[in-house]
Amino acid sequence: MDVELRHLRAFTCVARLRSFSRAAEELLITQPALSRTIAQLEGKLNVRLLERSSRHVELTDTGAEFLVHAERVLAALDEALAVVSHRVTLRLGFSWLLPDPWAQHTVSRFEESTGASVALARTDAPLQALRQHAVDVALVRGDVDVPKGARVVRLGDEPRIAVCSEHCALARLGRLDWSDVRHWPLVVNTVSGTTGPWSWPADQRPDQIIETANYDEWLESVAADRGIGIVPEVAQRRSRHPALRFVPLTGAPPSPVSLVYLTDAQHALIHRFLDAAVQTAP
């Protein structure tokens, strides 16, 4: 009959939650895709498993009987995976400063629930590492073009803050508005930065741009007073550079944070990690 595990997981999730919308959220898929998966399963079995109405989802008698066996199959699979999971490592790629405390909570929840481990892979280009299968999941900031065949899971947004050298006049002003950034030289990380000329309309962009190729170069360029920088607030909590000063930034759009993974990577642990990531997201 060619019934796949995704069919069983989709069915048991809907049966447990009695809701297609909530099951779609838990499975990290769209509701139409979930409905198609259930329809495929019912078509392969040639039976009706669920009764749907505008308000309720209920199991048919056949569905209730099938659920017992489906849960037994999935439990046996999870048990088999648990036997070997302690030998398995999931690789999380990131370019700089993982969000906190999300990263710590996610890794702990994932490792405790699976027995597997997370290897943190710092790379200047996490999406490229994902395309090359050097990492299993990539954490990215900002609005980025994801590789073909990849899926994005949005975790949330990070507020932005301005940063400058201790010798910069901005340090004495104590506050900066997003609309006034254009009047300052702006240091930009062109590879993994979240703020750059692309962040403003063409007629509102900063007049002077200083380009760097990674976070460390960006950090030292700002510390050397070559210009100011704009980063997510996590940098203030995690950077201890003595020459830097952080300045509140008003009117700035938040910086999105997402996880990206390849849909052709049929790795059960990836989905377990995504589950933990979404549950611990702010």
Protein backbone atom coordinates (compact mmCIF):
# COMPACT_ATOMS: atom_id res chain seq x y z
CA MET A 1 0.00 0.00 0.00
CA ASP A 2 3.04 2.28 0.21
CA VAL A 3 2.00 3.87 3.50
CA GLU A 4 4.83 6.10 4.78
CA LEU A 5 5.83 7.18 8.27
CA ARG A 6 4.79 10.75 7.48
CA HIS A 7 1.25 9.47 6.93
CA LEU A 8 1.22 7.76 10.33
CA ARG A 9 2.73 10.73 12.15
CA ALA A 10 0.23 13.11 10.53
CA PHE A 11 -2.73 10.88 11.37
CA THR A 12 -1.74 10.25 14.99
CA CYS A 13 -1.07 13.95 15.55
CA VAL A 14 -4.51 14.98 14.23
CA ALA A 15 -6.15 12.17 16.21
CA ARG A 16 -4.40 13.25 19.42
CA LEU A 17 -5.13 16.98 19.05
CA ARG A 18 -8.53 16.63 17.32
CA SER A 19 -7.53 19.62 15.21
CA PHE A 20 -5.95 20.01 11.77
CA SER A 21 -4.73 23.54 12.50
CA ARG A 22 -3.01 22.64 15.78
CA ALA A 23 -1.57 19.46 14.30
CA ALA A 24 -0.16 21.43 11.37
CA GLU A 25 1.55 23.82 13.79
CA GLU A 26 3.05 20.95 15.79
CA LEU A 27 4.26 19.15 12.65
CA LEU A 28 5.64 22.39 11.17
CA ILE A 29 3.70 22.03 7.94
CA THR A 30 0.83 23.95 6.37
CA GLN A 31 -2.75 22.92 7.04
CA PRO A 32 -3.44 22.20 3.32
CA ALA A 33 -0.36 19.95 3.21
CA LEU A 34 -1.56 18.10 6.30
CA SER A 35 -5.02 17.64 4.80
CA ARG A 36 -3.47 16.21 1.63
CA THR A 37 -1.36 13.80 3.68
CA ILE A 38 -4.41 12.50 5.57
CA ALA A 39 -6.35 12.21 2.31
CA GLN A 40 -3.46 10.22 0.80
CA LEU A 41 -3.47 7.85 3.78
CA GLU A 42 -7.21 7.32 3.57
CA GLY A 43 -6.92 6.80 -0.17
CA LYS A 44 -4.16 4.20 0.21
CA LEU A 45 -6.17 2.34 2.88
CA ASN A 46 -9.48 2.92 1.10
CA VAL A 47 -11.16 3.73 4.41
CA ARG A 48 -12.40 6.80 6.24
CA LEU A 49 -10.30 7.44 9.35
CA LEU A 50 -11.49 10.88 10.40
CA GLU A 51 -14.81 12.68 10.35
CA ARG A 52 -14.36 16.39 9.72
CA SER A 53 -16.72 19.27 10.26
CA SER A 54 -16.23 23.03 10.45
CA ARG A 55 -15.78 22.75 14.23
CA HIS A 56 -14.77 19.20 15.11
CA VAL A 57 -12.49 16.36 14.07
CA GLU A 58 -13.48 12.90 15.30
CA LEU A 59 -12.17 9.40 14.72
CA THR A 60 -14.33 6.91 12.89
CA ASP A 61 -14.61 3.45 14.40
CA THR A 62 -12.04 2.24 11.86
CA GLY A 63 -9.85 5.24 12.64
CA ALA A 64 -9.90 4.50 16.35
CA GLU A 65 -8.86 0.91 15.71
CA PHE A 66 -6.15 1.98 13.26
CA LEU A 67 -4.82 4.57 15.73
CA VAL A 68 -3.90 1.85 18.24
CA HIS A 69 -1.75 0.07 15.68
CA ALA A 70 -0.25 3.28 14.23
CA GLU A 71 0.84 4.46 17.68
CA ARG A 72 2.34 1.03 18.35
CA VAL A 73 4.38 1.22 15.12
CA LEU A 74 5.65 4.72 15.87
CA ALA A 75 6.50 3.81 19.47
CA ALA A 76 8.53 0.83 18.24
CA LEU A 77 10.35 3.08 15.79
CA ASP A 78 11.13 5.66 18.48
CA GLU A 79 12.43 2.90 20.72
CA ALA A 80 14.69 1.64 17.94
CA LEU A 81 15.99 5.15 17.29
CA ALA A 82 16.66 5.65 20.99
CA VAL A 83 18.96 2.63 20.99
CA VAL A 84 21.31 4.29 18.52
CA SER A 85 20.58 7.99 19.10
CA HIS A 86 23.42 8.38 21.59
CA ARG A 87 25.76 7.81 18.65
CA VAL A 88 24.07 10.48 16.51
CA THR A 89 25.08 14.13 16.30
CA LEU A 90 23.03 16.96 14.80
CA ARG A 91 25.13 19.80 13.37
CA LEU A 92 23.82 23.33 13.91
CA GLY A 93 25.50 25.96 11.74
CA PHE A 94 25.60 29.63 12.74
CA SER A 95 27.64 32.66 11.79
CA TRP A 96 27.93 34.49 15.12
CA LEU A 97 26.41 34.65 18.61
CA LEU A 98 23.57 32.20 18.96
CA PRO A 99 20.45 33.79 20.47
CA ASP A 100 20.25 33.41 24.23
CA PRO A 101 18.76 31.83 26.24
CA TRP A 102 17.04 30.12 23.30
CA ALA A 103 20.15 28.20 22.22
CA GLN A 104 20.89 26.80 25.66
CA HIS A 105 17.28 25.80 26.31
CA THR A 106 16.84 24.23 22.86
CA VAL A 107 20.03 22.18 22.99
CA SER A 108 19.23 20.94 26.51
CA ARG A 109 15.65 19.99 25.63
CA PHE A 110 16.73 18.22 22.43
CA GLU A 111 19.60 16.29 23.99
CA GLU A 112 17.55 15.23 27.02
CA SER A 113 14.61 14.03 24.90
CA THR A 114 16.62 12.20 22.22
CA GLY A 115 19.92 11.16 23.76
CA ALA A 116 21.62 12.63 20.69
CA SER A 117 24.06 15.54 20.82
CA VAL A 118 24.30 18.90 19.09
CA ALA A 119 27.57 19.98 17.45
CA LEU A 120 27.81 23.77 17.12
CA ALA A 121 29.50 24.70 13.84
CA ARG A 122 30.58 28.34 13.55
CA THR A 123 30.79 29.32 9.88
CA ASP A 124 30.74 32.64 8.04
CA ALA A 125 28.20 31.27 5.53
CA PRO A 126 25.78 28.85 7.24
CA LEU A 127 23.49 28.58 4.21
CA GLN A 128 26.40 27.57 2.03
CA ALA A 129 27.39 24.99 4.64
CA LEU A 130 23.80 23.71 4.54
CA ARG A 131 23.88 23.39 0.74
CA GLN A 132 27.13 21.45 1.01
CA HIS A 133 25.61 19.21 3.72
CA ALA A 134 28.30 20.33 6.16
CA VAL A 135 25.54 21.16 8.67
CA ASP A 136 22.05 19.74 9.20
CA VAL A 137 20.32 22.94 10.31
CA ALA A 138 21.40 26.55 9.76
CA LEU A 139 20.48 29.45 12.02
CA VAL A 140 20.16 32.65 9.99
CA ARG A 141 19.32 36.25 10.81
CA GLY A 142 17.57 38.72 8.57
CA ASP A 143 15.56 38.14 5.41
CA VAL A 144 17.70 35.82 3.30
CA ASP A 145 17.30 33.87 0.07
CA VAL A 146 17.22 30.24 1.10
CA PRO A 147 18.56 27.43 -1.10
CA LYS A 148 16.24 25.58 -3.44
CA GLY A 149 14.66 22.65 -1.67
CA ALA A 150 15.04 24.26 1.75
CA ARG A 151 12.41 25.14 4.30
CA VAL A 152 12.43 28.02 6.79
CA VAL A 153 11.13 27.87 10.37
CA ARG A 154 10.74 31.37 11.81
CA LEU A 155 11.73 31.56 15.47
CA GLY A 156 10.94 35.20 16.11
CA ASP A 157 12.49 38.65 16.02
CA GLU A 158 15.41 40.29 17.81
CA PRO A 159 15.43 44.02 18.61
CA ARG A 160 18.33 46.01 17.17
CA ILE A 161 20.83 48.22 18.97
CA ALA A 162 23.53 50.64 17.79
CA VAL A 163 27.18 50.12 18.68
CA CYS A 164 30.14 52.45 18.32
CA SER A 165 33.66 53.08 19.53
CA GLU A 166 34.20 54.62 22.95
CA HIS A 167 35.76 57.57 21.08
CA CYS A 168 32.76 58.11 18.78
CA ALA A 169 30.51 61.13 19.30
CA LEU A 170 27.50 58.80 19.26
CA ALA A 171 28.60 57.33 22.59
CA ARG A 172 28.01 60.73 24.20
CA LEU A 173 24.62 61.27 22.55
CA GLY A 174 23.15 58.24 24.30
CA ARG A 175 20.45 57.45 21.70
CA LEU A 176 20.06 57.05 17.95
CA ASP A 177 16.97 56.96 15.74
CA TRP A 178 16.78 54.59 12.78
CA SER A 179 16.16 57.52 10.42
CA ASP A 180 19.41 59.18 11.56
CA VAL A 181 21.69 56.21 10.88
CA ARG A 182 22.23 57.56 7.36
CA HIS A 183 24.27 60.45 8.77
CA TRP A 184 26.92 58.13 10.25
CA PRO A 185 29.51 55.92 8.53
CA LEU A 186 28.06 52.41 8.77
CA VAL A 187 30.21 49.30 9.19
CA VAL A 188 28.56 46.33 7.47
CA ASN A 189 29.21 42.61 7.60
CA THR A 190 28.44 41.75 3.97
CA VAL A 191 28.39 37.96 4.52
CA SER A 192 26.28 37.42 7.63
CA GLY A 193 25.28 40.87 8.85
CA THR A 194 21.67 41.78 9.58
CA THR A 195 21.89 45.49 8.73
CA GLY A 196 23.29 47.03 5.56
CA PRO A 197 22.38 49.35 2.69
CA TRP A 198 19.64 46.87 1.79
CA SER A 199 17.86 47.76 5.05
CA TRP A 200 16.73 51.18 3.76
CA PRO A 201 15.09 52.51 0.61
CA ALA A 202 17.67 53.69 -1.94
CA ASP A 203 17.14 57.37 -1.12
CA GLN A 204 17.56 56.86 2.64
CA ARG A 205 20.71 54.75 2.80
CA PRO A 206 23.81 55.83 4.73
CA ASP A 207 26.21 57.89 2.66
CA GLN A 208 29.31 55.97 3.72
CA ILE A 209 29.55 52.17 3.97
CA ILE A 210 32.57 50.30 5.37
CA GLU A 211 32.41 46.65 4.30
CA THR A 212 33.74 43.70 6.30
CA ALA A 213 33.53 39.97 5.60
CA ASN A 214 32.71 38.46 9.01
CA TYR A 215 31.65 39.28 12.54
CA ASP A 216 35.16 39.61 13.98
CA GLU A 217 36.23 42.05 11.26
CA TRP A 218 33.03 44.01 11.79
CA LEU A 219 33.59 44.13 15.56
CA GLU A 220 37.17 45.37 15.32
CA SER A 221 36.30 47.93 12.64
CA VAL A 222 33.65 49.47 14.89
CA ALA A 223 36.04 49.38 17.85
CA ALA A 224 38.62 51.20 15.72
CA ASP A 225 36.09 54.02 15.18
CA ARG A 226 35.81 53.48 11.43
CA GLY A 227 32.04 53.75 11.72
CA ILE A 228 29.06 52.65 13.77
CA GLY A 229 27.28 49.31 13.62
CA ILE A 230 23.72 48.05 13.98
CA VAL A 231 23.23 44.57 15.48
CA PRO A 232 20.67 42.49 17.39
CA GLU A 233 20.68 43.22 21.12
CA VAL A 234 22.24 39.84 21.89
CA ALA A 235 25.58 41.43 20.96
CA GLN A 236 25.34 43.79 23.93
CA ARG A 237 24.88 40.91 26.35
CA ARG A 238 27.63 38.79 24.86
CA SER A 239 30.33 41.23 23.70
CA ARG A 240 32.90 42.33 26.24
CA HIS A 241 35.09 44.45 23.99
CA PRO A 242 36.44 47.31 26.13
CA ALA A 243 36.45 49.80 23.24
CA LEU A 244 32.77 49.37 22.35
CA ARG A 245 29.75 51.30 23.55
CA PHE A 246 26.14 50.25 22.93
CA VAL A 247 23.52 52.90 22.25
CA PRO A 248 19.70 52.44 22.29
CA LEU A 249 18.21 52.52 18.79
CA THR A 250 14.66 53.82 18.31
CA GLY A 251 12.37 53.20 15.37
CA ALA A 252 14.36 50.26 14.03
CA PRO A 253 12.59 47.27 12.49
CA PRO A 254 13.27 44.01 14.34
CA SER A 255 15.69 41.45 12.94
CA PRO A 256 14.10 38.07 12.12
CA VAL A 257 15.73 34.83 13.28
CA SER A 258 15.05 31.56 11.47
CA LEU A 259 16.20 27.98 11.14
CA VAL A 260 16.73 26.55 7.65
CA TYR A 261 16.95 22.89 6.70
CA LEU A 262 16.87 20.87 3.48
CA THR A 263 13.63 19.03 2.82
CA ASP A 264 15.47 16.16 1.15
CA ALA A 265 17.29 15.44 4.42
CA GLN A 266 14.95 12.81 5.84
CA HIS A 267 16.55 12.89 9.25
CA ALA A 268 14.12 12.28 12.12
CA LEU A 269 16.41 14.14 14.51
CA ILE A 270 16.13 17.31 12.45
CA HIS A 271 12.40 17.41 13.12
CA ARG A 272 12.94 16.61 16.79
CA PHE A 273 15.38 19.53 16.97
CA LEU A 274 12.90 21.83 15.21
CA ASP A 275 10.23 20.79 17.71
CA ALA A 276 12.52 21.74 20.60
CA ALA A 277 13.51 24.99 18.88
CA VAL A 278 9.93 26.13 18.36
CA GLN A 279 8.89 25.20 21.91
CA THR A 280 11.70 27.26 23.43
CA ALA A 281 11.41 30.24 21.05
CA PRO A 282 10.43 33.53 22.73
